[in-house]
Amino acid sequence: MRNLLLLLLLLVSITAFSQKNESPNDSIVRWKKSGKITLLINQSAFSNWQAGGDNNFAGNLNLNYDLNYIDRDWSWDNKILASYGLTNNKDDGTRKTDDRLELNSILGKKLKANWSASFFMNFKTQFTNGYDYEDDFMGQNSTLTNEDFPTSGFFKPAYLSFGPGLLWKKNDNLYLNTSPLTAKFTFITSEIFTYNEETQSYDSSNLVETFGVDPGDSFLSEFGFNARAYYKFEIMNNISMENILNLFSNYLDKPQNIDIDYTLNLVMKINDVFSTNLTFQTIYDDNAFKGFQIREIFGLGVNVNL
């Protein structure tokens, strides 16, 4: 939560700076900003309910913010995506349901029409530790719990990608950036162990490769091709769909195994405050998991426009 508060403070500072430098009489420097904070809530309560059920409450806080700059032939597009969710019920207590921090930036120098030379940056991590609650790998007689050894956390891992490329941009709601010379780094701030069934303990001799990072190393470097596509449109009045797609192919190791990160945000507006929100994200990265990772969040949203 401390990292989330720091992010919000940074966002407020950026917004204040952009407002200070924007002038209605300035035709050269132009800042465009938009975004919203959304709180999704879900709650269930039971009393003498014979069919069974556990009282539970869940909340998800989401931030989607754009800060774009235009100066004649130069453009600088920035997007911040952040989300954090918790659920609480009688049997399991409080657990994390969502955790994401992503920063995107594309600097462009116009060549002609909708084409620009570009340089992009993408950074991704999460705020707090994550745990595998599905596998009871601690043993019945062990005093350890799932939360003694997190499977992920802040900068466990963190991804940083950047490189020059070519940007095709029709408007702020439709663009494609390609970078054939992309450097990608995966960072791990601490070593992650696997459980040793024979000794019923964790030890440094049982280190394994994590998110593609070799045991004992703190980062993995890759070099390849990156593409980022963005498309937002209205399906009908008060219903908008936002699509974000990132692709990466590593020239140096299994270039045919393309990393995929696709996010869909569907917003069905009720009024200026309330909306129904659906977020669907799928990731394929065989360094992290040999299969598709999927998350889906749906609920009633309370919105604050920025």
C-alpha atoms as a PDB file:
ATOM      1  CA  MET A   1       0.000   0.000   0.000  1.00  0.00           C
ATOM      2  CA  ARG A   2       2.950   2.335   0.612  1.00  0.00           C
ATOM      3  CA  ASN A   3       4.001   1.925  -3.029  1.00  0.00           C
ATOM      4  CA  LEU A   4       0.444   2.716  -4.150  1.00  0.00           C
ATOM      5  CA  LEU A   5       0.423   5.938  -2.119  1.00  0.00           C
ATOM      6  CA  LEU A   6       3.775   6.945  -3.609  1.00  0.00           C
ATOM      7  CA  LEU A   7       2.354   6.385  -7.102  1.00  0.00           C
ATOM      8  CA  LEU A   8      -0.677   8.565  -6.363  1.00  0.00           C
ATOM      9  CA  LEU A   9       1.566  11.330  -5.007  1.00  0.00           C
ATOM     10  CA  LEU A  10       3.692  11.137  -8.159  1.00  0.00           C
ATOM     11  CA  LEU A  11       0.578  11.352 -10.315  1.00  0.00           C
ATOM     12  CA  VAL A  12      -0.657  14.452  -8.464  1.00  0.00           C
ATOM     13  CA  SER A  13       2.754  16.095  -8.923  1.00  0.00           C
ATOM     14  CA  ILE A  14       2.800  15.347 -12.657  1.00  0.00           C
ATOM     15  CA  THR A  15      -0.731  16.694 -13.064  1.00  0.00           C
ATOM     16  CA  ALA A  16       0.092  19.894 -11.194  1.00  0.00           C
ATOM     17  CA  PHE A  17       3.198  20.396 -13.319  1.00  0.00           C
ATOM     18  CA  SER A  18       1.287  19.933 -16.557  1.00  0.00           C
ATOM     19  CA  GLN A  19      -1.407  22.375 -15.494  1.00  0.00           C
ATOM     20  CA  LYS A  20       1.186  24.955 -14.511  1.00  0.00           C
ATOM     21  CA  ASN A  21       2.855  24.835 -17.922  1.00  0.00           C
ATOM     22  CA  GLU A  22      -0.304  24.839 -20.021  1.00  0.00           C
ATOM     23  CA  SER A  23      -1.536  28.164 -21.324  1.00  0.00           C
ATOM     24  CA  PRO A  24      -4.550  28.818 -23.562  1.00  0.00           C
ATOM     25  CA  ASN A  25      -2.431  31.328 -25.477  1.00  0.00           C
ATOM     26  CA  ASP A  26       0.470  28.949 -26.040  1.00  0.00           C
ATOM     27  CA  SER A  27       0.209  27.410 -29.487  1.00  0.00           C
ATOM     28  CA  ILE A  28       3.536  25.534 -29.264  1.00  0.00           C
ATOM     29  CA  VAL A  29       3.396  23.601 -26.007  1.00  0.00           C
ATOM     30  CA  ARG A  30       0.201  21.650 -25.393  1.00  0.00           C
ATOM     31  CA  TRP A  31      -0.536  19.140 -22.636  1.00  0.00           C
ATOM     32  CA  LYS A  32      -3.508  16.807 -22.888  1.00  0.00           C
ATOM     33  CA  LYS A  33      -4.475  14.766 -19.862  1.00  0.00           C
ATOM     34  CA  SER A  34      -7.306  12.410 -19.072  1.00  0.00           C
ATOM     35  CA  GLY A  35      -7.978   9.486 -16.798  1.00  0.00           C
ATOM     36  CA  LYS A  36      -9.949   8.147 -13.920  1.00  0.00           C
ATOM     37  CA  ILE A  37      -9.729   6.306 -10.643  1.00  0.00           C
ATOM     38  CA  THR A  38     -12.307   3.528 -10.294  1.00  0.00           C
ATOM     39  CA  LEU A  39     -13.305   1.591  -7.189  1.00  0.00           C
ATOM     40  CA  LEU A  40     -14.957  -1.751  -7.980  1.00  0.00           C
ATOM     41  CA  ILE A  41     -16.877  -3.322  -5.098  1.00  0.00           C
ATOM     42  CA  ASN A  42     -18.485  -6.697  -4.494  1.00  0.00           C
ATOM     43  CA  GLN A  43     -20.137  -7.924  -1.289  1.00  0.00           C
ATOM     44  CA  SER A  44     -22.090 -10.975  -0.110  1.00  0.00           C
ATOM     45  CA  ALA A  45     -23.712 -11.599   3.298  1.00  0.00           C
ATOM     46  CA  PHE A  46     -25.554 -14.639   4.691  1.00  0.00           C
ATOM     47  CA  SER A  47     -27.562 -15.217   7.850  1.00  0.00           C
ATOM     48  CA  ASN A  48     -29.148 -18.619   8.580  1.00  0.00           C
ATOM     49  CA  TRP A  49     -28.863 -19.352   4.861  1.00  0.00           C
ATOM     50  CA  GLN A  50     -29.381 -23.110   4.606  1.00  0.00           C
ATOM     51  CA  ALA A  51     -27.831 -23.410   1.162  1.00  0.00           C
ATOM     52  CA  GLY A  52     -24.538 -22.240   2.665  1.00  0.00           C
ATOM     53  CA  GLY A  53     -22.156 -19.438   1.869  1.00  0.00           C
ATOM     54  CA  ASP A  54     -19.434 -17.295   3.428  1.00  0.00           C
ATOM     55  CA  ASN A  55     -19.722 -13.589   4.103  1.00  0.00           C
ATOM     56  CA  ASN A  56     -17.233 -11.789   1.905  1.00  0.00           C
ATOM     57  CA  PHE A  57     -16.264  -8.367   0.695  1.00  0.00           C
ATOM     58  CA  ALA A  58     -14.000  -7.492  -2.234  1.00  0.00           C
ATOM     59  CA  GLY A  59     -12.695  -4.196  -3.521  1.00  0.00           C
ATOM     60  CA  ASN A  60     -10.484  -3.233  -6.461  1.00  0.00           C
ATOM     61  CA  LEU A  61      -8.904   0.199  -6.951  1.00  0.00           C
ATOM     62  CA  ASN A  62      -7.908   1.020 -10.545  1.00  0.00           C
ATOM     63  CA  LEU A  63      -6.036   3.929 -12.087  1.00  0.00           C
ATOM     64  CA  ASN A  64      -5.965   4.593 -15.851  1.00  0.00           C
ATOM     65  CA  TYR A  65      -4.277   7.907 -16.664  1.00  0.00           C
ATOM     66  CA  ASP A  66      -2.990   9.493 -19.891  1.00  0.00           C
ATOM     67  CA  LEU A  67      -0.655  12.475 -20.058  1.00  0.00           C
ATOM     68  CA  ASN A  68       0.266  13.536 -23.608  1.00  0.00           C
ATOM     69  CA  TYR A  69       2.414  16.381 -24.908  1.00  0.00           C
ATOM     70  CA  ILE A  70       2.530  17.951 -28.396  1.00  0.00           C
ATOM     71  CA  ASP A  71       5.067  20.497 -29.650  1.00  0.00           C
ATOM     72  CA  ARG A  72       4.794  20.970 -33.426  1.00  0.00           C
ATOM     73  CA  ASP A  73       6.434  17.821 -34.876  1.00  0.00           C
ATOM     74  CA  TRP A  74       7.161  16.277 -31.464  1.00  0.00           C
ATOM     75  CA  SER A  75       4.793  14.159 -29.396  1.00  0.00           C
ATOM     76  CA  TRP A  76       5.193  12.426 -26.042  1.00  0.00           C
ATOM     77  CA  ASP A  77       2.467   9.998 -24.962  1.00  0.00           C
ATOM     78  CA  ASN A  78       2.403   8.566 -21.429  1.00  0.00           C
ATOM     79  CA  LYS A  79      -0.009   6.092 -19.864  1.00  0.00           C
ATOM     80  CA  ILE A  80      -0.124   4.884 -16.250  1.00  0.00           C
ATOM     81  CA  LEU A  81      -2.025   1.691 -15.432  1.00  0.00           C
ATOM     82  CA  ALA A  82      -2.306   0.618 -11.798  1.00  0.00           C
ATOM     83  CA  SER A  83      -4.665  -1.655  -9.905  1.00  0.00           C
ATOM     84  CA  TYR A  84      -4.866  -3.270  -6.491  1.00  0.00           C
ATOM     85  CA  GLY A  85      -7.561  -5.528  -5.073  1.00  0.00           C
ATOM     86  CA  LEU A  86      -8.329  -7.342  -1.825  1.00  0.00           C
ATOM     87  CA  THR A  87     -10.989  -9.812  -0.738  1.00  0.00           C
ATOM     88  CA  ASN A  88     -11.958 -10.901   2.744  1.00  0.00           C
ATOM     89  CA  ASN A  89     -14.015 -13.886   3.856  1.00  0.00           C
ATOM     90  CA  LYS A  90     -14.442 -15.896   7.022  1.00  0.00           C
ATOM     91  CA  ASP A  91     -12.385 -18.963   6.079  1.00  0.00           C
ATOM     92  CA  ASP A  92      -9.445 -17.440   4.206  1.00  0.00           C
ATOM     93  CA  GLY A  93      -9.113 -14.012   5.786  1.00  0.00           C
ATOM     94  CA  THR A  94      -7.755 -11.221   3.594  1.00  0.00           C
ATOM     95  CA  ARG A  95      -6.107 -12.083   0.302  1.00  0.00           C
ATOM     96  CA  LYS A  96      -4.923 -10.123  -2.705  1.00  0.00           C
ATOM     97  CA  THR A  97      -7.038 -10.427  -5.843  1.00  0.00           C
ATOM     98  CA  ASP A  98      -5.343  -7.948  -8.173  1.00  0.00           C
ATOM     99  CA  ASP A  99      -1.974  -6.186  -8.320  1.00  0.00           C
ATOM    100  CA  ARG A 100      -0.523  -4.275 -11.262  1.00  0.00           C
ATOM    101  CA  LEU A 101       1.702  -1.293 -11.986  1.00  0.00           C
ATOM    102  CA  GLU A 102       2.574  -0.408 -15.584  1.00  0.00           C
ATOM    103  CA  LEU A 103       4.134   2.735 -17.061  1.00  0.00           C
ATOM    104  CA  ASN A 104       4.199   3.352 -20.823  1.00  0.00           C
ATOM    105  CA  SER A 105       5.898   6.174 -22.711  1.00  0.00           C
ATOM    106  CA  ILE A 106       6.368   6.849 -26.440  1.00  0.00           C
ATOM    107  CA  LEU A 107       8.356   9.812 -27.783  1.00  0.00           C
ATOM    108  CA  GLY A 108       7.716  10.610 -31.440  1.00  0.00           C
ATOM    109  CA  LYS A 109       9.227  12.924 -34.093  1.00  0.00           C
ATOM    110  CA  LYS A 110       6.846  13.341 -37.017  1.00  0.00           C
ATOM    111  CA  LEU A 111       8.111  12.234 -40.420  1.00  0.00           C
ATOM    112  CA  LYS A 112       5.020  12.639 -42.603  1.00  0.00           C
ATOM    113  CA  ALA A 113       1.252  12.176 -42.354  1.00  0.00           C
ATOM    114  CA  ASN A 114       0.590   9.695 -39.500  1.00  0.00           C
ATOM    115  CA  TRP A 115       4.167   8.345 -39.309  1.00  0.00           C
ATOM    116  CA  SER A 116       6.817   9.274 -36.730  1.00  0.00           C
ATOM    117  CA  ALA A 117      10.235   8.087 -35.679  1.00  0.00           C
ATOM    118  CA  SER A 118       9.815   6.926 -32.093  1.00  0.00           C
ATOM    119  CA  PHE A 119      11.447   5.775 -28.895  1.00  0.00           C
ATOM    120  CA  PHE A 120       9.366   3.780 -26.411  1.00  0.00           C
ATOM    121  CA  MET A 121       9.669   2.679 -22.790  1.00  0.00           C
ATOM    122  CA  ASN A 122       7.579   0.150 -20.862  1.00  0.00           C
ATOM    123  CA  PHE A 123       7.911  -0.751 -17.178  1.00  0.00           C
ATOM    124  CA  LYS A 124       5.852  -3.371 -15.314  1.00  0.00           C
ATOM    125  CA  THR A 125       5.837  -4.749 -11.784  1.00  0.00           C
ATOM    126  CA  GLN A 126       3.434  -5.156  -8.833  1.00  0.00           C
ATOM    127  CA  PHE A 127       3.027  -3.454  -5.458  1.00  0.00           C
ATOM    128  CA  THR A 128       3.041  -6.249  -2.853  1.00  0.00           C
ATOM    129  CA  ASN A 129       3.877  -9.913  -2.388  1.00  0.00           C
ATOM    130  CA  GLY A 130       1.843 -12.629  -4.076  1.00  0.00           C
ATOM    131  CA  TYR A 131       1.362 -16.198  -2.832  1.00  0.00           C
ATOM    132  CA  ASP A 132       0.274 -19.552  -4.210  1.00  0.00           C
ATOM    133  CA  TYR A 133      -2.693 -20.474  -2.017  1.00  0.00           C
ATOM    134  CA  GLU A 134      -3.877 -23.390  -4.145  1.00  0.00           C
ATOM    135  CA  ASP A 135      -0.997 -25.775  -3.338  1.00  0.00           C
ATOM    136  CA  ASP A 136      -0.623 -26.968   0.259  1.00  0.00           C
ATOM    137  CA  PHE A 137       3.083 -27.689  -0.173  1.00  0.00           C
ATOM    138  CA  MET A 138       4.089 -26.922   3.408  1.00  0.00           C
ATOM    139  CA  GLY A 139       3.195 -30.308   4.889  1.00  0.00           C
ATOM    140  CA  GLN A 140       0.730 -31.128   7.626  1.00  0.00           C
ATOM    141  CA  ASN A 141       3.332 -31.091  10.394  1.00  0.00           C
ATOM    142  CA  SER A 142       5.131 -27.970   9.228  1.00  0.00           C
ATOM    143  CA  THR A 143       4.859 -24.691  11.061  1.00  0.00           C
ATOM    144  CA  LEU A 144       5.355 -22.834   7.779  1.00  0.00           C
ATOM    145  CA  THR A 145       2.507 -21.191   5.897  1.00  0.00           C
ATOM    146  CA  ASN A 146       2.052 -20.156   2.272  1.00  0.00           C
ATOM    147  CA  GLU A 147       2.849 -16.559   3.205  1.00  0.00           C
ATOM    148  CA  ASP A 148       6.293 -17.435   4.596  1.00  0.00           C
ATOM    149  CA  PHE A 149       7.657 -17.660   1.053  1.00  0.00           C
ATOM    150  CA  PRO A 150       6.081 -15.328  -1.529  1.00  0.00           C
ATOM    151  CA  THR A 151       6.085 -16.340  -5.184  1.00  0.00           C
ATOM    152  CA  SER A 152       6.307 -12.724  -6.377  1.00  0.00           C
ATOM    153  CA  GLY A 153       6.396  -9.141  -5.114  1.00  0.00           C
ATOM    154  CA  PHE A 154       7.565  -5.601  -5.781  1.00  0.00           C
ATOM    155  CA  PHE A 155      10.434  -5.938  -8.292  1.00  0.00           C
ATOM    156  CA  LYS A 156       9.923  -9.722  -8.084  1.00  0.00           C
ATOM    157  CA  PRO A 157       9.802  -9.530 -11.040  1.00  0.00           C
ATOM    158  CA  ALA A 158      10.024  -6.148 -12.760  1.00  0.00           C
ATOM    159  CA  TYR A 159      10.164  -5.759 -16.530  1.00  0.00           C
ATOM    160  CA  LEU A 160      11.804  -2.868 -18.384  1.00  0.00           C
ATOM    161  CA  SER A 161      11.730  -2.554 -22.180  1.00  0.00           C
ATOM    162  CA  PHE A 162      12.879   0.285 -24.425  1.00  0.00           C
ATOM    163  CA  GLY A 163      14.095   0.957 -27.930  1.00  0.00           C
ATOM    164  CA  PRO A 164      13.826   3.056 -31.113  1.00  0.00           C
ATOM    165  CA  GLY A 165      11.193   2.362 -33.717  1.00  0.00           C
ATOM    166  CA  LEU A 166       8.423   3.614 -35.958  1.00  0.00           C
ATOM    167  CA  LEU A 167       5.063   4.963 -34.784  1.00  0.00           C
ATOM    168  CA  TRP A 168       1.855   5.063 -36.799  1.00  0.00           C
ATOM    169  CA  LYS A 169      -0.713   7.186 -34.984  1.00  0.00           C
ATOM    170  CA  LYS A 170      -4.106   8.218 -36.302  1.00  0.00           C
ATOM    171  CA  ASN A 171      -5.149   9.818 -33.012  1.00  0.00           C
ATOM    172  CA  ASP A 172      -4.844   9.287 -29.251  1.00  0.00           C
ATOM    173  CA  ASN A 173      -7.282   6.357 -29.488  1.00  0.00           C
ATOM    174  CA  LEU A 174      -5.604   4.438 -32.321  1.00  0.00           C
ATOM    175  CA  TYR A 175      -1.890   3.832 -32.812  1.00  0.00           C
ATOM    176  CA  LEU A 176       0.740   1.160 -33.466  1.00  0.00           C
ATOM    177  CA  ASN A 177       4.386   1.371 -32.407  1.00  0.00           C
ATOM    178  CA  THR A 178       6.990  -1.119 -33.632  1.00  0.00           C
ATOM    179  CA  SER A 179      10.567  -1.382 -32.390  1.00  0.00           C
ATOM    180  CA  PRO A 180      12.889  -3.906 -34.088  1.00  0.00           C
ATOM    181  CA  LEU A 181      15.755  -3.016 -31.716  1.00  0.00           C
ATOM    182  CA  THR A 182      14.250  -3.544 -28.266  1.00  0.00           C
ATOM    183  CA  ALA A 183      16.221  -4.163 -25.089  1.00  0.00           C
ATOM    184  CA  LYS A 184      14.250  -6.010 -22.418  1.00  0.00           C
ATOM    185  CA  PHE A 185      15.329  -6.651 -18.838  1.00  0.00           C
ATOM    186  CA  THR A 186      13.709  -8.852 -16.192  1.00  0.00           C
ATOM    187  CA  PHE A 187      14.717  -7.998 -12.614  1.00  0.00           C
ATOM    188  CA  ILE A 188      14.469 -10.150  -9.476  1.00  0.00           C
ATOM    189  CA  THR A 189      15.356  -8.376  -6.213  1.00  0.00           C
ATOM    190  CA  SER A 190      15.576 -11.546  -4.122  1.00  0.00           C
ATOM    191  CA  GLU A 191      16.010 -15.238  -4.753  1.00  0.00           C
ATOM    192  CA  ILE A 192      12.950 -17.475  -4.758  1.00  0.00           C
ATOM    193  CA  PHE A 193      13.237 -21.057  -3.508  1.00  0.00           C
ATOM    194  CA  THR A 194      11.238 -24.218  -4.050  1.00  0.00           C
ATOM    195  CA  TYR A 195      10.223 -26.513  -1.232  1.00  0.00           C
ATOM    196  CA  ASN A 196      12.422 -29.587  -0.639  1.00  0.00           C
ATOM    197  CA  GLU A 197      10.138 -32.525   0.189  1.00  0.00           C
ATOM    198  CA  GLU A 198      12.976 -34.642   1.648  1.00  0.00           C
ATOM    199  CA  THR A 199      14.217 -32.073   4.143  1.00  0.00           C
ATOM    200  CA  GLN A 200      10.832 -30.335   4.472  1.00  0.00           C
ATOM    201  CA  SER A 201      12.529 -26.965   4.288  1.00  0.00           C
ATOM    202  CA  TYR A 202      13.694 -24.182   1.995  1.00  0.00           C
ATOM    203  CA  ASP A 203      17.431 -23.768   1.462  1.00  0.00           C
ATOM    204  CA  SER A 204      19.833 -22.083  -0.936  1.00  0.00           C
ATOM    205  CA  SER A 205      20.715 -25.418  -2.579  1.00  0.00           C
ATOM    206  CA  ASN A 206      17.170 -25.653  -3.884  1.00  0.00           C
ATOM    207  CA  LEU A 207      17.174 -22.461  -5.962  1.00  0.00           C
ATOM    208  CA  VAL A 208      15.410 -22.638  -9.321  1.00  0.00           C
ATOM    209  CA  GLU A 209      15.074 -20.474 -12.409  1.00  0.00           C
ATOM    210  CA  THR A 210      12.391 -17.863 -11.793  1.00  0.00           C
ATOM    211  CA  PHE A 211      10.750 -15.759 -14.528  1.00  0.00           C
ATOM    212  CA  GLY A 212      13.648 -16.772 -16.774  1.00  0.00           C
ATOM    213  CA  VAL A 213      16.311 -15.472 -14.361  1.00  0.00           C
ATOM    214  CA  ASP A 214      18.973 -18.079 -13.546  1.00  0.00           C
ATOM    215  CA  PRO A 215      19.560 -19.070  -9.886  1.00  0.00           C
ATOM    216  CA  GLY A 216      21.884 -16.600  -8.195  1.00  0.00           C
ATOM    217  CA  ASP A 217      21.369 -13.893 -10.831  1.00  0.00           C
ATOM    218  CA  SER A 218      19.363 -10.713 -10.327  1.00  0.00           C
ATOM    219  CA  PHE A 219      18.293  -9.979 -13.913  1.00  0.00           C
ATOM    220  CA  LEU A 220      17.804 -11.409 -17.400  1.00  0.00           C
ATOM    221  CA  SER A 221      18.626  -9.391 -20.528  1.00  0.00           C
ATOM    222  CA  GLU A 222      16.936  -9.972 -23.884  1.00  0.00           C
ATOM    223  CA  PHE A 223      17.095  -8.317 -27.287  1.00  0.00           C
ATOM    224  CA  GLY A 224      14.368  -8.487 -29.887  1.00  0.00           C
ATOM    225  CA  PHE A 225      11.314  -7.049 -31.619  1.00  0.00           C
ATOM    226  CA  ASN A 226       8.497  -5.238 -29.801  1.00  0.00           C
ATOM    227  CA  ALA A 227       5.085  -4.078 -31.011  1.00  0.00           C
ATOM    228  CA  ARG A 228       2.475  -2.141 -29.057  1.00  0.00           C
ATOM    229  CA  ALA A 229      -1.026  -1.503 -30.383  1.00  0.00           C
ATOM    230  CA  TYR A 230      -3.770   0.610 -28.791  1.00  0.00           C
ATOM    231  CA  TYR A 231      -7.376   0.970 -29.894  1.00  0.00           C
ATOM    232  CA  LYS A 232     -10.215   2.571 -27.955  1.00  0.00           C
ATOM    233  CA  PHE A 233     -13.690   3.104 -29.379  1.00  0.00           C
ATOM    234  CA  GLU A 234     -17.366   3.362 -28.459  1.00  0.00           C
ATOM    235  CA  ILE A 235     -19.475   0.272 -29.168  1.00  0.00           C
ATOM    236  CA  MET A 236     -22.604   2.341 -28.614  1.00  0.00           C
ATOM    237  CA  ASN A 237     -23.656   5.268 -26.454  1.00  0.00           C
ATOM    238  CA  ASN A 238     -22.066   5.044 -22.980  1.00  0.00           C
ATOM    239  CA  ILE A 239     -20.249   1.765 -23.760  1.00  0.00           C
ATOM    240  CA  SER A 240     -16.530   2.017 -24.572  1.00  0.00           C
ATOM    241  CA  MET A 241     -13.908  -0.646 -25.224  1.00  0.00           C
ATOM    242  CA  GLU A 242     -10.171  -0.147 -24.706  1.00  0.00           C
ATOM    243  CA  ASN A 243      -7.726  -2.662 -26.235  1.00  0.00           C
ATOM    244  CA  ILE A 244      -4.012  -2.762 -25.356  1.00  0.00           C
ATOM    245  CA  LEU A 245      -1.698  -5.317 -27.000  1.00  0.00           C
ATOM    246  CA  ASN A 246       2.033  -5.843 -26.405  1.00  0.00           C
ATOM    247  CA  LEU A 247       4.140  -8.373 -28.324  1.00  0.00           C
ATOM    248  CA  PHE A 248       7.819  -9.273 -27.901  1.00  0.00           C
ATOM    249  CA  SER A 249      10.078 -11.743 -29.711  1.00  0.00           C
ATOM    250  CA  ASN A 250      13.569 -12.462 -28.376  1.00  0.00           C
ATOM    251  CA  TYR A 251      16.062 -12.735 -31.245  1.00  0.00           C
ATOM    252  CA  LEU A 252      18.614 -14.493 -29.021  1.00  0.00           C
ATOM    253  CA  ASP A 253      16.515 -17.365 -27.654  1.00  0.00           C
ATOM    254  CA  LYS A 254      13.446 -19.062 -29.172  1.00  0.00           C
ATOM    255  CA  PRO A 255      12.235 -16.118 -31.279  1.00  0.00           C
ATOM    256  CA  GLN A 256       9.183 -18.165 -32.291  1.00  0.00           C
ATOM    257  CA  ASN A 257       7.937 -18.047 -28.672  1.00  0.00           C
ATOM    258  CA  ILE A 258       6.320 -14.606 -28.780  1.00  0.00           C
ATOM    259  CA  ASP A 259       5.452 -12.957 -25.465  1.00  0.00           C
ATOM    260  CA  ILE A 260       1.833 -11.715 -25.524  1.00  0.00           C
ATOM    261  CA  ASP A 261       0.176  -9.258 -23.145  1.00  0.00           C
ATOM    262  CA  TYR A 262      -3.385  -8.261 -24.048  1.00  0.00           C
ATOM    263  CA  THR A 263      -5.757  -6.181 -21.908  1.00  0.00           C
ATOM    264  CA  LEU A 264      -9.400  -5.347 -22.597  1.00  0.00           C
ATOM    265  CA  ASN A 265     -11.208  -2.691 -20.562  1.00  0.00           C
ATOM    266  CA  LEU A 266     -14.960  -2.487 -21.126  1.00  0.00           C
ATOM    267  CA  VAL A 267     -16.796   0.391 -19.445  1.00  0.00           C
ATOM    268  CA  MET A 268     -20.608   0.593 -19.438  1.00  0.00           C
ATOM    269  CA  LYS A 269     -21.410   4.054 -18.124  1.00  0.00           C
ATOM    270  CA  ILE A 270     -24.479   4.476 -15.912  1.00  0.00           C
ATOM    271  CA  ASN A 271     -23.923   8.165 -15.092  1.00  0.00           C
ATOM    272  CA  ASP A 272     -20.991  10.459 -14.294  1.00  0.00           C
ATOM    273  CA  VAL A 273     -20.239   8.578 -11.069  1.00  0.00           C
ATOM    274  CA  PHE A 274     -21.267   4.938 -11.546  1.00  0.00           C
ATOM    275  CA  SER A 275     -20.380   2.418 -14.232  1.00  0.00           C
ATOM    276  CA  THR A 276     -20.171  -1.301 -14.795  1.00  0.00           C
ATOM    277  CA  ASN A 277     -16.584  -2.310 -15.565  1.00  0.00           C
ATOM    278  CA  LEU A 278     -15.038  -5.433 -17.054  1.00  0.00           C
ATOM    279  CA  THR A 279     -11.281  -5.971 -17.254  1.00  0.00           C
ATOM    280  CA  PHE A 280      -9.843  -8.996 -19.028  1.00  0.00           C
ATOM    281  CA  GLN A 281      -6.113  -9.623 -19.359  1.00  0.00           C
ATOM    282  CA  THR A 282      -4.189 -12.566 -20.753  1.00  0.00           C
ATOM    283  CA  ILE A 283      -0.408 -13.016 -20.768  1.00  0.00           C
ATOM    284  CA  TYR A 284       1.767 -15.595 -22.473  1.00  0.00           C
ATOM    285  CA  ASP A 285       5.407 -15.576 -21.345  1.00  0.00           C
ATOM    286  CA  ASP A 286       7.059 -18.980 -21.216  1.00  0.00           C
ATOM    287  CA  ASN A 287       9.789 -17.604 -18.923  1.00  0.00           C
ATOM    288  CA  ALA A 288       7.152 -17.060 -16.241  1.00  0.00           C
ATOM    289  CA  PHE A 289       4.623 -19.825 -17.003  1.00  0.00           C
ATOM    290  CA  LYS A 290       4.305 -22.266 -19.889  1.00  0.00           C
ATOM    291  CA  GLY A 291       0.729 -21.393 -20.724  1.00  0.00           C
ATOM    292  CA  PHE A 292      -1.706 -18.502 -20.754  1.00  0.00           C
ATOM    293  CA  GLN A 293      -2.154 -16.458 -17.582  1.00  0.00           C
ATOM    294  CA  ILE A 294      -5.649 -14.986 -17.322  1.00  0.00           C
ATOM    295  CA  ARG A 295      -7.257 -12.462 -14.992  1.00  0.00           C
ATOM    296  CA  GLU A 296     -10.812 -11.117 -15.171  1.00  0.00           C
ATOM    297  CA  ILE A 297     -12.474  -8.522 -12.952  1.00  0.00           C
ATOM    298  CA  PHE A 298     -16.101  -7.449 -13.188  1.00  0.00           C
ATOM    299  CA  GLY A 299     -18.090  -5.205 -10.925  1.00  0.00           C
ATOM    300  CA  LEU A 300     -19.864  -1.964 -10.193  1.00  0.00           C
ATOM    301  CA  GLY A 301     -17.492   0.979 -10.404  1.00  0.00           C
ATOM    302  CA  VAL A 302     -17.430   4.287  -8.560  1.00  0.00           C
ATOM    303  CA  ASN A 303     -15.487   6.685 -10.792  1.00  0.00           C
ATOM    304  CA  VAL A 304     -13.467   9.828 -10.100  1.00  0.00           C
ATOM    305  CA  ASN A 305     -12.364  11.653 -13.262  1.00  0.00           C
ATOM    306  CA  LEU A 306      -8.906  13.242 -13.248  1.00  0.00           C
END
